[in-house]
Amino acid sequence: MNTTTPQPVTLTPPQKDRFLSGWAVAGLLLLLPTVVLSWLVVLSGERGTQCLMYGEQCSTIPGSALYAAFFLALAAGIVALAWPRGRGTYARAWAVLVQWGAQLVLGALILSGA
């Protein structure tokens, strides 16, 4: 019986670039649905309805924080896609991480206002 030790999978630079581009595109495509679905969840609750109808019990999270997280996610995604392929792979990876982090924080901020 032939037993071989499995070798770890390593990605080539073009594969890394495609991987990062895929995550950046996915983040950009999911940015608006994340915002819309988060707001729908908030507004479907009792507190969201009170805020919408009577202006009572509204979120204390400033709108500037929401805008900052949205535009940070958008800008980081665009930077990750526009970055030249084959150079600065770690910088592109950080841009994608910042993009997804800002997007998740945005969704959490919207939902925490419920």
Protein backbone atom coordinates (compact mmCIF):
# COMPACT_ATOMS: atom_id res chain seq x y z
CA MET A 1 0.00 0.00 0.00
CA ASN A 2 1.35 3.41 -0.95
CA THR A 3 1.09 5.96 1.84
CA THR A 4 2.17 9.49 1.13
CA THR A 5 2.02 12.49 3.34
CA PRO A 6 -0.39 15.07 1.96
CA GLN A 7 1.33 18.25 0.92
CA PRO A 8 -0.10 21.62 1.97
CA VAL A 9 -1.88 23.55 -0.74
CA THR A 10 -0.09 26.72 -1.77
CA LEU A 11 -1.54 29.33 -4.04
CA THR A 12 0.41 30.83 -6.89
CA PRO A 13 0.42 34.65 -7.19
CA PRO A 14 -2.21 34.67 -9.99
CA GLN A 15 -4.44 32.43 -7.87
CA LYS A 16 -4.02 34.77 -4.90
CA ASP A 17 -4.96 37.74 -7.09
CA ARG A 18 -8.10 35.98 -8.34
CA PHE A 19 -8.99 34.95 -4.79
CA LEU A 20 -8.66 38.51 -3.47
CA SER A 21 -10.52 39.96 -6.45
CA GLY A 22 -13.35 37.50 -5.90
CA TRP A 23 -13.74 38.51 -2.26
CA ALA A 24 -13.56 42.21 -3.14
CA VAL A 25 -16.25 41.84 -5.82
CA ALA A 26 -18.43 39.78 -3.48
CA GLY A 27 -18.13 42.46 -0.81
CA LEU A 28 -19.06 45.22 -3.22
CA LEU A 29 -22.02 43.26 -4.55
CA LEU A 30 -23.28 42.51 -1.03
CA LEU A 31 -22.81 46.02 0.38
CA LEU A 32 -26.21 47.43 -0.62
CA PRO A 33 -28.17 44.24 0.18
CA THR A 34 -26.54 44.23 3.63
CA VAL A 35 -27.69 47.79 4.27
CA VAL A 36 -31.19 47.28 2.90
CA LEU A 37 -31.81 44.01 4.74
CA SER A 38 -30.44 45.42 7.99
CA TRP A 39 -32.76 48.41 7.76
CA LEU A 40 -35.71 46.17 6.94
CA VAL A 41 -35.04 44.11 10.05
CA VAL A 42 -34.76 47.25 12.19
CA LEU A 43 -37.88 48.89 10.77
CA SER A 44 -39.95 45.73 11.09
CA GLY A 45 -39.49 45.73 14.86
CA GLU A 46 -41.54 47.65 17.40
CA ARG A 47 -38.80 50.16 18.18
CA GLY A 48 -38.14 50.83 14.49
CA THR A 49 -41.84 51.34 13.86
CA GLN A 50 -42.06 53.80 16.77
CA CYS A 51 -39.13 55.74 15.38
CA LEU A 52 -40.51 55.76 11.85
CA MET A 53 -44.06 56.76 12.78
CA TYR A 54 -43.63 58.98 15.83
CA GLY A 55 -39.95 59.87 15.98
CA GLU A 56 -39.62 58.16 19.37
CA GLN A 57 -37.08 55.58 20.56
CA CYS A 58 -34.82 56.22 17.59
CA SER A 59 -31.26 54.95 17.46
CA THR A 60 -28.58 56.92 19.26
CA ILE A 61 -25.93 55.87 16.74
CA PRO A 62 -24.90 58.94 14.74
CA GLY A 63 -25.55 58.84 11.03
CA SER A 64 -21.97 59.91 10.37
CA ALA A 65 -20.75 56.57 11.79
CA LEU A 66 -23.00 54.71 9.37
CA TYR A 67 -21.86 56.80 6.42
CA ALA A 68 -18.21 56.41 7.42
CA ALA A 69 -18.49 52.61 7.60
CA PHE A 70 -20.36 52.48 4.27
CA PHE A 71 -17.88 54.65 2.39
CA LEU A 72 -14.89 52.94 4.00
CA ALA A 73 -16.18 49.55 2.81
CA LEU A 74 -16.87 50.96 -0.65
CA ALA A 75 -13.48 52.68 -0.95
CA ALA A 76 -11.53 49.67 0.35
CA GLY A 77 -13.31 47.39 -2.14
CA ILE A 78 -12.54 49.70 -5.02
CA VAL A 79 -8.90 50.01 -3.92
CA ALA A 80 -8.60 46.22 -3.71
CA LEU A 81 -9.94 45.85 -7.26
CA ALA A 82 -7.93 48.72 -8.74
CA TRP A 83 -4.63 47.66 -7.14
CA PRO A 84 -2.17 46.38 -9.79
CA ARG A 85 -2.09 42.59 -9.98
CA GLY A 86 1.09 40.89 -8.91
CA ARG A 87 2.32 43.78 -6.76
CA GLY A 88 1.44 44.44 -3.17
CA THR A 89 -0.57 41.29 -2.58
CA TYR A 90 -0.48 41.90 1.16
CA ALA A 91 -1.78 45.44 0.69
CA ARG A 92 -4.65 44.11 -1.42
CA ALA A 93 -5.39 41.49 1.22
CA TRP A 94 -5.51 44.20 3.89
CA ALA A 95 -7.83 46.28 1.71
CA VAL A 96 -10.19 43.31 1.40
CA LEU A 97 -10.04 42.73 5.16
CA VAL A 98 -10.80 46.39 5.84
CA GLN A 99 -13.65 46.25 3.32
CA TRP A 100 -15.30 43.24 4.95
CA GLY A 101 -14.64 44.54 8.45
CA ALA A 102 -16.26 47.88 7.68
CA GLN A 103 -19.19 46.15 6.00
CA LEU A 104 -19.80 43.88 8.98
CA VAL A 105 -19.48 46.81 11.38
CA LEU A 106 -21.99 48.74 9.27
CA GLY A 107 -24.52 45.92 9.47
CA ALA A 108 -23.96 45.56 13.20
CA LEU A 109 -24.38 49.31 13.76
CA ILE A 110 -27.65 49.36 11.87
CA LEU A 111 -28.95 46.29 13.68
CA SER A 112 -27.88 47.60 17.09
CA GLY A 113 -30.17 50.57 16.58
CA ALA A 114 -33.16 48.22 16.72
